[in-house]
C-alpha atoms as a PDB file:
ATOM      1  CA  UNK A   1       0.000   0.000   0.000  1.00  0.00           C
ATOM      2  CA  UNK A   2       2.800   2.446   0.886  1.00  0.00           C
ATOM      3  CA  UNK A   3       4.550   1.784  -2.409  1.00  0.00           C
ATOM      4  CA  UNK A   4       1.331   2.151  -4.396  1.00  0.00           C
ATOM      5  CA  UNK A   5       0.478   5.504  -2.795  1.00  0.00           C
ATOM      6  CA  UNK A   6       3.944   6.975  -3.363  1.00  0.00           C
ATOM      7  CA  UNK A   7       4.937   5.572  -6.781  1.00  0.00           C
ATOM      8  CA  UNK A   8       1.735   5.170  -8.822  1.00  0.00           C
ATOM      9  CA  UNK A   9      -0.088   7.738 -10.943  1.00  0.00           C
ATOM     10  CA  UNK A  10      -3.759   7.955  -9.999  1.00  0.00           C
ATOM     11  CA  UNK A  11      -6.840  10.126 -10.278  1.00  0.00           C
ATOM     12  CA  UNK A  12      -9.752   9.556  -7.941  1.00  0.00           C
ATOM     13  CA  UNK A  13     -12.760  11.087  -6.232  1.00  0.00           C
ATOM     14  CA  UNK A  14     -13.566  10.276  -2.615  1.00  0.00           C
ATOM     15  CA  UNK A  15     -15.845  11.255   0.224  1.00  0.00           C
ATOM     16  CA  UNK A  16     -14.340  12.518   3.474  1.00  0.00           C
ATOM     17  CA  UNK A  17     -16.557  12.138   6.538  1.00  0.00           C
ATOM     18  CA  UNK A  18     -15.619  13.824   9.805  1.00  0.00           C
ATOM     19  CA  UNK A  19     -17.662  15.173  12.669  1.00  0.00           C
ATOM     20  CA  UNK A  20     -20.966  14.537  10.903  1.00  0.00           C
ATOM     21  CA  UNK A  21     -19.915  16.485   7.791  1.00  0.00           C
ATOM     22  CA  UNK A  22     -19.242  14.909   4.382  1.00  0.00           C
ATOM     23  CA  UNK A  23     -17.135  16.514   1.659  1.00  0.00           C
ATOM     24  CA  UNK A  24     -16.429  15.213  -1.845  1.00  0.00           C
ATOM     25  CA  UNK A  25     -12.892  15.729  -3.139  1.00  0.00           C
ATOM     26  CA  UNK A  26     -10.728  14.825  -6.099  1.00  0.00           C
ATOM     27  CA  UNK A  27      -7.076  13.797  -5.765  1.00  0.00           C
ATOM     28  CA  UNK A  28      -4.619  13.609  -8.685  1.00  0.00           C
ATOM     29  CA  UNK A  29      -1.172  12.130  -7.963  1.00  0.00           C
ATOM     30  CA  UNK A  30       1.763  11.853 -10.377  1.00  0.00           C
ATOM     31  CA  UNK A  31       5.397  10.797 -10.111  1.00  0.00           C
ATOM     32  CA  UNK A  32       7.494  12.092 -12.995  1.00  0.00           C
ATOM     33  CA  UNK A  33      11.304  12.240 -13.165  1.00  0.00           C
ATOM     34  CA  UNK A  34      11.455  11.672  -9.408  1.00  0.00           C
ATOM     35  CA  UNK A  35       9.165  14.625  -8.567  1.00  0.00           C
ATOM     36  CA  UNK A  36       5.751  14.137  -6.968  1.00  0.00           C
ATOM     37  CA  UNK A  37       2.883  16.387  -8.047  1.00  0.00           C
ATOM     38  CA  UNK A  38      -0.529  16.385  -6.386  1.00  0.00           C
ATOM     39  CA  UNK A  39      -3.745  18.313  -6.745  1.00  0.00           C
ATOM     40  CA  UNK A  40      -6.526  18.065  -4.158  1.00  0.00           C
ATOM     41  CA  UNK A  41      -9.746  19.883  -5.044  1.00  0.00           C
ATOM     42  CA  UNK A  42     -12.997  20.247  -3.142  1.00  0.00           C
ATOM     43  CA  UNK A  43     -15.973  19.332  -5.317  1.00  0.00           C
ATOM     44  CA  UNK A  44     -18.419  20.984  -2.931  1.00  0.00           C
ATOM     45  CA  UNK A  45     -19.209  24.598  -2.133  1.00  0.00           C
ATOM     46  CA  UNK A  46     -15.848  25.957  -0.933  1.00  0.00           C
ATOM     47  CA  UNK A  47     -14.030  25.356  -4.243  1.00  0.00           C
ATOM     48  CA  UNK A  48     -10.700  25.106  -2.428  1.00  0.00           C
ATOM     49  CA  UNK A  49      -7.737  23.586  -4.246  1.00  0.00           C
ATOM     50  CA  UNK A  50      -4.302  22.493  -3.024  1.00  0.00           C
ATOM     51  CA  UNK A  51      -1.509  21.904  -5.532  1.00  0.00           C
ATOM     52  CA  UNK A  52       1.843  20.441  -4.523  1.00  0.00           C
ATOM     53  CA  UNK A  53       5.014  20.018  -6.559  1.00  0.00           C
ATOM     54  CA  UNK A  54       7.747  18.432  -4.481  1.00  0.00           C
ATOM     55  CA  UNK A  55       8.024  20.563  -1.337  1.00  0.00           C
ATOM     56  CA  UNK A  56       6.131  23.540  -2.805  1.00  0.00           C
ATOM     57  CA  UNK A  57       2.460  23.780  -1.796  1.00  0.00           C
ATOM     58  CA  UNK A  58       0.002  26.363  -3.115  1.00  0.00           C
ATOM     59  CA  UNK A  59      -3.380  26.637  -1.379  1.00  0.00           C
ATOM     60  CA  UNK A  60      -6.191  28.334  -3.331  1.00  0.00           C
ATOM     61  CA  UNK A  61      -8.883  29.570  -0.940  1.00  0.00           C
ATOM     62  CA  UNK A  62     -11.648  31.278  -2.970  1.00  0.00           C
ATOM     63  CA  UNK A  63     -13.921  31.680   0.054  1.00  0.00           C
ATOM     64  CA  UNK A  64     -11.213  33.917   1.535  1.00  0.00           C
ATOM     65  CA  UNK A  65     -10.008  35.312  -1.814  1.00  0.00           C
ATOM     66  CA  UNK A  66      -6.531  34.234  -0.733  1.00  0.00           C
ATOM     67  CA  UNK A  67      -3.696  32.116  -2.098  1.00  0.00           C
ATOM     68  CA  UNK A  68      -1.233  30.737   0.465  1.00  0.00           C
ATOM     69  CA  UNK A  69       2.185  29.518  -0.711  1.00  0.00           C
ATOM     70  CA  UNK A  70       4.339  27.502   1.661  1.00  0.00           C
ATOM     71  CA  UNK A  71       6.916  24.746   1.989  1.00  0.00           C
ATOM     72  CA  UNK A  72       6.137  21.311   3.403  1.00  0.00           C
ATOM     73  CA  UNK A  73       8.019  17.995   3.559  1.00  0.00           C
ATOM     74  CA  UNK A  74       8.301  16.612   0.017  1.00  0.00           C
ATOM     75  CA  UNK A  75       7.157  13.156   1.145  1.00  0.00           C
ATOM     76  CA  UNK A  76       3.993  14.433   2.888  1.00  0.00           C
ATOM     77  CA  UNK A  77       0.885  13.674   0.812  1.00  0.00           C
ATOM     78  CA  UNK A  78      -2.209  15.870   0.631  1.00  0.00           C
ATOM     79  CA  UNK A  79      -4.359  12.897   1.679  1.00  0.00           C
ATOM     80  CA  UNK A  80      -3.527  11.510   5.106  1.00  0.00           C
ATOM     81  CA  UNK A  81      -3.253   7.772   4.586  1.00  0.00           C
ATOM     82  CA  UNK A  82      -1.058   6.117   7.235  1.00  0.00           C
ATOM     83  CA  UNK A  83       2.496   4.968   6.554  1.00  0.00           C
ATOM     84  CA  UNK A  84       3.451   1.458   7.638  1.00  0.00           C
ATOM     85  CA  UNK A  85       7.048   0.559   8.472  1.00  0.00           C
ATOM     86  CA  UNK A  86       9.034  -1.579  10.909  1.00  0.00           C
ATOM     87  CA  UNK A  87       8.847   1.100  13.615  1.00  0.00           C
ATOM     88  CA  UNK A  88       5.084   1.466  13.191  1.00  0.00           C
ATOM     89  CA  UNK A  89       4.620  -2.250  13.740  1.00  0.00           C
ATOM     90  CA  UNK A  90       6.264  -1.932  17.171  1.00  0.00           C
ATOM     91  CA  UNK A  91       3.446   0.234  18.514  1.00  0.00           C
ATOM     92  CA  UNK A  92       0.456  -1.150  16.615  1.00  0.00           C
ATOM     93  CA  UNK A  93      -1.016  -4.590  16.144  1.00  0.00           C
ATOM     94  CA  UNK A  94      -1.448  -4.951  12.359  1.00  0.00           C
ATOM     95  CA  UNK A  95      -3.458  -7.892  11.067  1.00  0.00           C
ATOM     96  CA  UNK A  96      -5.814  -8.897   8.283  1.00  0.00           C
ATOM     97  CA  UNK A  97      -9.371  -9.375   9.539  1.00  0.00           C
ATOM     98  CA  UNK A  98     -11.269 -10.255   6.367  1.00  0.00           C
ATOM     99  CA  UNK A  99     -11.956  -9.977   2.636  1.00  0.00           C
ATOM    100  CA  UNK A 100     -14.762  -8.170   0.834  1.00  0.00           C
ATOM    101  CA  UNK A 101     -15.789  -6.546  -2.442  1.00  0.00           C
ATOM    102  CA  UNK A 102     -15.664  -2.746  -2.653  1.00  0.00           C
ATOM    103  CA  UNK A 103     -16.314  -0.768  -5.855  1.00  0.00           C
ATOM    104  CA  UNK A 104     -16.272  -4.085  -7.752  1.00  0.00           C
ATOM    105  CA  UNK A 105     -12.758  -4.835  -6.476  1.00  0.00           C
ATOM    106  CA  UNK A 106     -11.505  -7.593  -4.187  1.00  0.00           C
ATOM    107  CA  UNK A 107     -10.076  -6.026  -1.045  1.00  0.00           C
ATOM    108  CA  UNK A 108      -8.196  -7.063   2.082  1.00  0.00           C
ATOM    109  CA  UNK A 109      -9.488  -5.545   5.348  1.00  0.00           C
ATOM    110  CA  UNK A 110      -6.578  -4.603   7.626  1.00  0.00           C
ATOM    111  CA  UNK A 111      -6.985  -3.620  11.288  1.00  0.00           C
ATOM    112  CA  UNK A 112      -4.301  -1.379  12.797  1.00  0.00           C
ATOM    113  CA  UNK A 113      -4.792  -1.324  16.582  1.00  0.00           C
ATOM    114  CA  UNK A 114      -2.643   0.813  18.922  1.00  0.00           C
ATOM    115  CA  UNK A 115      -0.954  -0.843  21.884  1.00  0.00           C
ATOM    116  CA  UNK A 116      -1.400   2.174  24.202  1.00  0.00           C
ATOM    117  CA  UNK A 117      -3.678   5.165  24.803  1.00  0.00           C
ATOM    118  CA  UNK A 118      -1.589   7.722  22.877  1.00  0.00           C
ATOM    119  CA  UNK A 119      -2.895   6.996  19.376  1.00  0.00           C
ATOM    120  CA  UNK A 120      -6.005   6.088  17.414  1.00  0.00           C
ATOM    121  CA  UNK A 121      -6.460   2.949  15.338  1.00  0.00           C
ATOM    122  CA  UNK A 122      -7.229   2.392  11.658  1.00  0.00           C
ATOM    123  CA  UNK A 123      -9.218   0.042   9.475  1.00  0.00           C
ATOM    124  CA  UNK A 124      -8.024  -0.153   5.869  1.00  0.00           C
ATOM    125  CA  UNK A 125      -9.625  -1.681   2.773  1.00  0.00           C
ATOM    126  CA  UNK A 126      -6.719  -2.412   0.382  1.00  0.00           C
ATOM    127  CA  UNK A 127      -7.290  -3.355  -3.259  1.00  0.00           C
ATOM    128  CA  UNK A 128      -5.908  -6.830  -3.939  1.00  0.00           C
ATOM    129  CA  UNK A 129      -4.709  -6.117  -7.495  1.00  0.00           C
ATOM    130  CA  UNK A 130      -3.274  -2.583  -7.140  1.00  0.00           C
ATOM    131  CA  UNK A 131      -2.531  -2.351  -3.365  1.00  0.00           C
ATOM    132  CA  UNK A 132      -4.295   1.035  -3.312  1.00  0.00           C
ATOM    133  CA  UNK A 133      -6.362   1.859  -0.200  1.00  0.00           C
ATOM    134  CA  UNK A 134      -9.992   2.186  -1.300  1.00  0.00           C
ATOM    135  CA  UNK A 135     -11.347   2.994   2.155  1.00  0.00           C
ATOM    136  CA  UNK A 136      -9.832   4.180   5.436  1.00  0.00           C
ATOM    137  CA  UNK A 137     -11.378   4.619   8.879  1.00  0.00           C
ATOM    138  CA  UNK A 138      -9.852   6.302  11.896  1.00  0.00           C
ATOM    139  CA  UNK A 139     -11.264   4.702  15.061  1.00  0.00           C
ATOM    140  CA  UNK A 140     -11.064   5.449  18.772  1.00  0.00           C
ATOM    141  CA  UNK A 141     -10.270   3.072  21.618  1.00  0.00           C
ATOM    142  CA  UNK A 142     -13.863   1.751  21.547  1.00  0.00           C
ATOM    143  CA  UNK A 143     -13.816   1.039  17.813  1.00  0.00           C
ATOM    144  CA  UNK A 144     -16.069   3.997  16.991  1.00  0.00           C
ATOM    145  CA  UNK A 145     -15.378   5.641  13.617  1.00  0.00           C
ATOM    146  CA  UNK A 146     -14.293   9.286  13.958  1.00  0.00           C
ATOM    147  CA  UNK A 147     -13.108   9.906  10.389  1.00  0.00           C
ATOM    148  CA  UNK A 148     -13.616   8.061   7.112  1.00  0.00           C
ATOM    149  CA  UNK A 149     -12.332   8.255   3.527  1.00  0.00           C
ATOM    150  CA  UNK A 150     -14.038   6.216   0.781  1.00  0.00           C
ATOM    151  CA  UNK A 151     -13.094   6.317  -2.905  1.00  0.00           C
ATOM    152  CA  UNK A 152     -16.066   6.511  -5.278  1.00  0.00           C
ATOM    153  CA  UNK A 153     -13.833   6.206  -8.333  1.00  0.00           C
ATOM    154  CA  UNK A 154     -10.134   5.539  -8.853  1.00  0.00           C
ATOM    155  CA  UNK A 155      -8.180   5.409 -12.123  1.00  0.00           C
ATOM    156  CA  UNK A 156      -4.516   4.454 -12.453  1.00  0.00           C
ATOM    157  CA  UNK A 157      -2.837   5.996 -15.496  1.00  0.00           C
ATOM    158  CA  UNK A 158       0.593   5.612 -17.056  1.00  0.00           C
ATOM    159  CA  UNK A 159       0.638   9.317 -17.928  1.00  0.00           C
ATOM    160  CA  UNK A 160      -1.030  12.391 -16.395  1.00  0.00           C
ATOM    161  CA  UNK A 161      -0.559  15.730 -18.247  1.00  0.00           C
ATOM    162  CA  UNK A 162       0.732  18.950 -16.679  1.00  0.00           C
ATOM    163  CA  UNK A 163      -2.656  20.559 -17.295  1.00  0.00           C
ATOM    164  CA  UNK A 164      -4.161  18.321 -14.590  1.00  0.00           C
ATOM    165  CA  UNK A 165      -2.216  20.323 -11.979  1.00  0.00           C
ATOM    166  CA  UNK A 166      -3.537  23.768 -12.871  1.00  0.00           C
ATOM    167  CA  UNK A 167      -6.201  25.400 -10.665  1.00  0.00           C
ATOM    168  CA  UNK A 168      -9.665  25.763 -12.124  1.00  0.00           C
ATOM    169  CA  UNK A 169     -10.426  29.011 -10.312  1.00  0.00           C
ATOM    170  CA  UNK A 170      -9.415  32.531 -11.317  1.00  0.00           C
ATOM    171  CA  UNK A 171      -7.198  34.279  -8.769  1.00  0.00           C
ATOM    172  CA  UNK A 172      -7.771  37.805 -10.050  1.00  0.00           C
ATOM    173  CA  UNK A 173      -7.999  40.161  -7.073  1.00  0.00           C
ATOM    174  CA  UNK A 174      -6.841  37.486  -4.611  1.00  0.00           C
ATOM    175  CA  UNK A 175      -4.353  38.226  -1.847  1.00  0.00           C
ATOM    176  CA  UNK A 176      -1.138  36.157  -2.024  1.00  0.00           C
ATOM    177  CA  UNK A 177       0.570  35.127   1.210  1.00  0.00           C
ATOM    178  CA  UNK A 178       3.986  33.456   1.374  1.00  0.00           C
ATOM    179  CA  UNK A 179       5.032  31.425   4.398  1.00  0.00           C
ATOM    180  CA  UNK A 180       8.797  31.817   4.166  1.00  0.00           C
ATOM    181  CA  UNK A 181      11.041  29.208   5.749  1.00  0.00           C
ATOM    182  CA  UNK A 182      12.926  31.948   7.637  1.00  0.00           C
ATOM    183  CA  UNK A 183      10.461  34.789   8.328  1.00  0.00           C
ATOM    184  CA  UNK A 184      11.505  38.238   9.499  1.00  0.00           C
ATOM    185  CA  UNK A 185      11.505  38.371  13.294  1.00  0.00           C
ATOM    186  CA  UNK A 186      10.037  41.283  15.143  1.00  0.00           C
ATOM    187  CA  UNK A 187      12.073  42.983  17.903  1.00  0.00           C
ATOM    188  CA  UNK A 188      11.982  40.974  21.106  1.00  0.00           C
ATOM    189  CA  UNK A 189      10.968  37.794  19.281  1.00  0.00           C
ATOM    190  CA  UNK A 190      14.317  35.989  19.302  1.00  0.00           C
ATOM    191  CA  UNK A 191      14.246  32.292  18.538  1.00  0.00           C
ATOM    192  CA  UNK A 192      14.505  29.859  21.412  1.00  0.00           C
ATOM    193  CA  UNK A 193      15.855  26.336  21.216  1.00  0.00           C
ATOM    194  CA  UNK A 194      12.925  24.126  22.223  1.00  0.00           C
ATOM    195  CA  UNK A 195      13.331  20.505  23.227  1.00  0.00           C
ATOM    196  CA  UNK A 196      11.161  17.804  24.760  1.00  0.00           C
ATOM    197  CA  UNK A 197      12.076  15.985  27.937  1.00  0.00           C
ATOM    198  CA  UNK A 198      10.162  12.878  26.839  1.00  0.00           C
ATOM    199  CA  UNK A 199       7.666  11.709  24.210  1.00  0.00           C
ATOM    200  CA  UNK A 200       5.017   8.993  23.976  1.00  0.00           C
ATOM    201  CA  UNK A 201       6.633   5.705  22.899  1.00  0.00           C
ATOM    202  CA  UNK A 202       7.554   5.675  19.213  1.00  0.00           C
ATOM    203  CA  UNK A 203       7.107   9.403  18.592  1.00  0.00           C
ATOM    204  CA  UNK A 204      10.030  11.425  17.196  1.00  0.00           C
ATOM    205  CA  UNK A 205      10.527  14.970  15.943  1.00  0.00           C
ATOM    206  CA  UNK A 206      10.542  15.116  12.132  1.00  0.00           C
ATOM    207  CA  UNK A 207      10.095  18.842  11.380  1.00  0.00           C
ATOM    208  CA  UNK A 208      11.478  21.982  12.983  1.00  0.00           C
ATOM    209  CA  UNK A 209      10.763  25.239  11.136  1.00  0.00           C
ATOM    210  CA  UNK A 210       9.687  28.850  11.541  1.00  0.00           C
ATOM    211  CA  UNK A 211       6.456  30.210  10.076  1.00  0.00           C
ATOM    212  CA  UNK A 212       4.256  33.261  10.030  1.00  0.00           C
ATOM    213  CA  UNK A 213       0.700  31.977  10.286  1.00  0.00           C
ATOM    214  CA  UNK A 214      -2.192  34.042   8.879  1.00  0.00           C
ATOM    215  CA  UNK A 215      -3.702  36.070  11.702  1.00  0.00           C
ATOM    216  CA  UNK A 216      -0.819  35.489  14.118  1.00  0.00           C
ATOM    217  CA  UNK A 217       0.957  38.356  15.887  1.00  0.00           C
ATOM    218  CA  UNK A 218       4.399  37.250  14.673  1.00  0.00           C
ATOM    219  CA  UNK A 219       6.617  34.296  13.906  1.00  0.00           C
ATOM    220  CA  UNK A 220       5.995  30.881  15.432  1.00  0.00           C
ATOM    221  CA  UNK A 221       8.229  27.851  15.772  1.00  0.00           C
ATOM    222  CA  UNK A 222       6.626  24.783  14.216  1.00  0.00           C
ATOM    223  CA  UNK A 223       7.574  21.322  15.487  1.00  0.00           C
ATOM    224  CA  UNK A 224       6.108  18.065  14.171  1.00  0.00           C
ATOM    225  CA  UNK A 225       6.202  14.773  16.077  1.00  0.00           C
ATOM    226  CA  UNK A 226       5.116  11.490  14.517  1.00  0.00           C
ATOM    227  CA  UNK A 227       5.193   7.743  15.028  1.00  0.00           C
ATOM    228  CA  UNK A 228       4.669   7.053  11.307  1.00  0.00           C
ATOM    229  CA  UNK A 229       0.897   6.835  11.612  1.00  0.00           C
ATOM    230  CA  UNK A 230      -0.130   9.594  13.989  1.00  0.00           C
ATOM    231  CA  UNK A 231       1.362  13.094  13.990  1.00  0.00           C
ATOM    232  CA  UNK A 232       1.188  16.148  16.256  1.00  0.00           C
ATOM    233  CA  UNK A 233       2.003  19.722  15.208  1.00  0.00           C
ATOM    234  CA  UNK A 234       3.228  22.065  17.927  1.00  0.00           C
ATOM    235  CA  UNK A 235       3.212  25.852  17.420  1.00  0.00           C
ATOM    236  CA  UNK A 236       5.259  28.021  19.791  1.00  0.00           C
ATOM    237  CA  UNK A 237       4.664  31.773  19.626  1.00  0.00           C
ATOM    238  CA  UNK A 238       8.008  33.573  19.675  1.00  0.00           C
ATOM    239  CA  UNK A 239       6.502  36.787  20.985  1.00  0.00           C
ATOM    240  CA  UNK A 240       6.228  36.316  24.776  1.00  0.00           C
ATOM    241  CA  UNK A 241       2.703  36.178  26.149  1.00  0.00           C
ATOM    242  CA  UNK A 242       1.529  39.349  27.958  1.00  0.00           C
ATOM    243  CA  UNK A 243       2.420  39.195  31.633  1.00  0.00           C
ATOM    244  CA  UNK A 244      -1.201  39.710  32.638  1.00  0.00           C
ATOM    245  CA  UNK A 245      -2.524  36.946  30.387  1.00  0.00           C
ATOM    246  CA  UNK A 246      -4.059  34.043  32.335  1.00  0.00           C
ATOM    247  CA  UNK A 247      -1.937  30.928  32.031  1.00  0.00           C
ATOM    248  CA  UNK A 248      -4.851  28.498  32.101  1.00  0.00           C
ATOM    249  CA  UNK A 249      -4.453  25.439  29.827  1.00  0.00           C
ATOM    250  CA  UNK A 250      -7.199  25.047  27.206  1.00  0.00           C
ATOM    251  CA  UNK A 251      -8.352  21.836  25.493  1.00  0.00           C
ATOM    252  CA  UNK A 252     -10.578  21.283  22.475  1.00  0.00           C
ATOM    253  CA  UNK A 253     -11.671  18.370  20.288  1.00  0.00           C
ATOM    254  CA  UNK A 254     -13.057  18.897  16.778  1.00  0.00           C
ATOM    255  CA  UNK A 255     -13.861  15.740  14.835  1.00  0.00           C
ATOM    256  CA  UNK A 256     -10.757  13.578  14.905  1.00  0.00           C
ATOM    257  CA  UNK A 257      -8.429  16.423  15.933  1.00  0.00           C
ATOM    258  CA  UNK A 258      -7.429  17.253  19.484  1.00  0.00           C
ATOM    259  CA  UNK A 259      -5.858  20.550  20.543  1.00  0.00           C
ATOM    260  CA  UNK A 260      -4.223  21.726  23.750  1.00  0.00           C
ATOM    261  CA  UNK A 261      -2.825  25.194  24.554  1.00  0.00           C
ATOM    262  CA  UNK A 262      -0.693  26.222  27.503  1.00  0.00           C
ATOM    263  CA  UNK A 263       2.039  28.721  28.415  1.00  0.00           C
ATOM    264  CA  UNK A 264       5.590  27.480  28.991  1.00  0.00           C
ATOM    265  CA  UNK A 265       8.425  29.808  30.016  1.00  0.00           C
ATOM    266  CA  UNK A 266       6.262  32.774  29.022  1.00  0.00           C
ATOM    267  CA  UNK A 267       5.442  31.520  25.511  1.00  0.00           C
ATOM    268  CA  UNK A 268       2.089  30.203  24.305  1.00  0.00           C
ATOM    269  CA  UNK A 269       2.282  26.627  23.031  1.00  0.00           C
ATOM    270  CA  UNK A 270      -0.469  24.940  21.011  1.00  0.00           C
ATOM    271  CA  UNK A 271      -0.371  21.235  20.101  1.00  0.00           C
ATOM    272  CA  UNK A 272      -2.786  19.873  17.463  1.00  0.00           C
ATOM    273  CA  UNK A 273      -3.130  16.406  15.955  1.00  0.00           C
ATOM    274  CA  UNK A 274      -5.381  13.499  14.969  1.00  0.00           C
ATOM    275  CA  UNK A 275      -4.606  11.776  18.249  1.00  0.00           C
ATOM    276  CA  UNK A 276      -6.383  11.292  21.586  1.00  0.00           C
ATOM    277  CA  UNK A 277      -6.485  14.378  23.869  1.00  0.00           C
ATOM    278  CA  UNK A 278      -3.980  12.759  26.250  1.00  0.00           C
ATOM    279  CA  UNK A 279      -1.306  12.814  23.524  1.00  0.00           C
ATOM    280  CA  UNK A 280      -1.412  16.549  22.737  1.00  0.00           C
ATOM    281  CA  UNK A 281      -1.480  17.347  26.467  1.00  0.00           C
ATOM    282  CA  UNK A 282       1.527  15.102  27.075  1.00  0.00           C
ATOM    283  CA  UNK A 283       3.667  16.518  24.259  1.00  0.00           C
ATOM    284  CA  UNK A 284       2.841  20.177  24.982  1.00  0.00           C
ATOM    285  CA  UNK A 285       3.658  19.644  28.645  1.00  0.00           C
ATOM    286  CA  UNK A 286       7.095  18.218  27.842  1.00  0.00           C
ATOM    287  CA  UNK A 287       8.409  21.219  25.862  1.00  0.00           C
ATOM    288  CA  UNK A 288      11.167  23.245  27.485  1.00  0.00           C
ATOM    289  CA  UNK A 289      13.012  26.381  26.335  1.00  0.00           C
ATOM    290  CA  UNK A 290      16.769  25.824  26.259  1.00  0.00           C
ATOM    291  CA  UNK A 291      17.743  29.495  25.875  1.00  0.00           C
ATOM    292  CA  UNK A 292      17.804  32.221  23.295  1.00  0.00           C
ATOM    293  CA  UNK A 293      19.536  31.733  19.969  1.00  0.00           C
ATOM    294  CA  UNK A 294      20.607  34.487  17.548  1.00  0.00           C
ATOM    295  CA  UNK A 295      17.613  35.873  15.686  1.00  0.00           C
ATOM    296  CA  UNK A 296      16.993  34.376  12.266  1.00  0.00           C
ATOM    297  CA  UNK A 297      18.648  31.036  13.062  1.00  0.00           C
END
């Protein structure tokens, strides 16, 4: 399945169910001369499109009349299917639980069950002939479905033209925002070296970058922790929190995503991920500032 998702050319439409809401989307994926191109387009009211070429991602947001351009890991797909590897198998029980027919295709049903409380589980319907995942469910500790992706159509092609990766919407009059890898720092917003004293078993840091998020007061440090399946993004505001601001931790759960905000060493920290609430609380609580570094580094 991993190899099929990363090396094949495909064009498909799928439904994404989360939190009682269903959205239809189209995904186009191509590998050409070692470069991955993807286009994810909403087929419903918002008209949003996301186009990725390697590490370059352009987000077209017509409902906000905005285009956001940013960098992201080149191996990170626009559709969040899990990645299975030897390390993943150490923290999940992965086994085949049945066979069925889906979209006129023979499929293997794979259950991916976590061995602790820090991650959700998956159920995967994998096409027998192509190894492509035709259906994916994210499930909680009680087996209840909290997010689901189901392909309505899926075509594998030997060649996909460049025109397939052009947006369908006109961007005339849109505002363009660029999330630079090294944003300009405001006075008093020097970078700090952040580390974690411990992590849930199997999690590791895979991304450390600086960003300027739309609507934020200044630059933030962005850290990503993953175990191969689950991932948590942590945003640390470089501008110190006002001294009079209450330092009361806040939690929220929206669909499959959990969020937790707190203040550590005077800086607001927000952890977000498709993981149980205990995981974002744990990771945010383990961050420590190691001291100031020269600005811009």
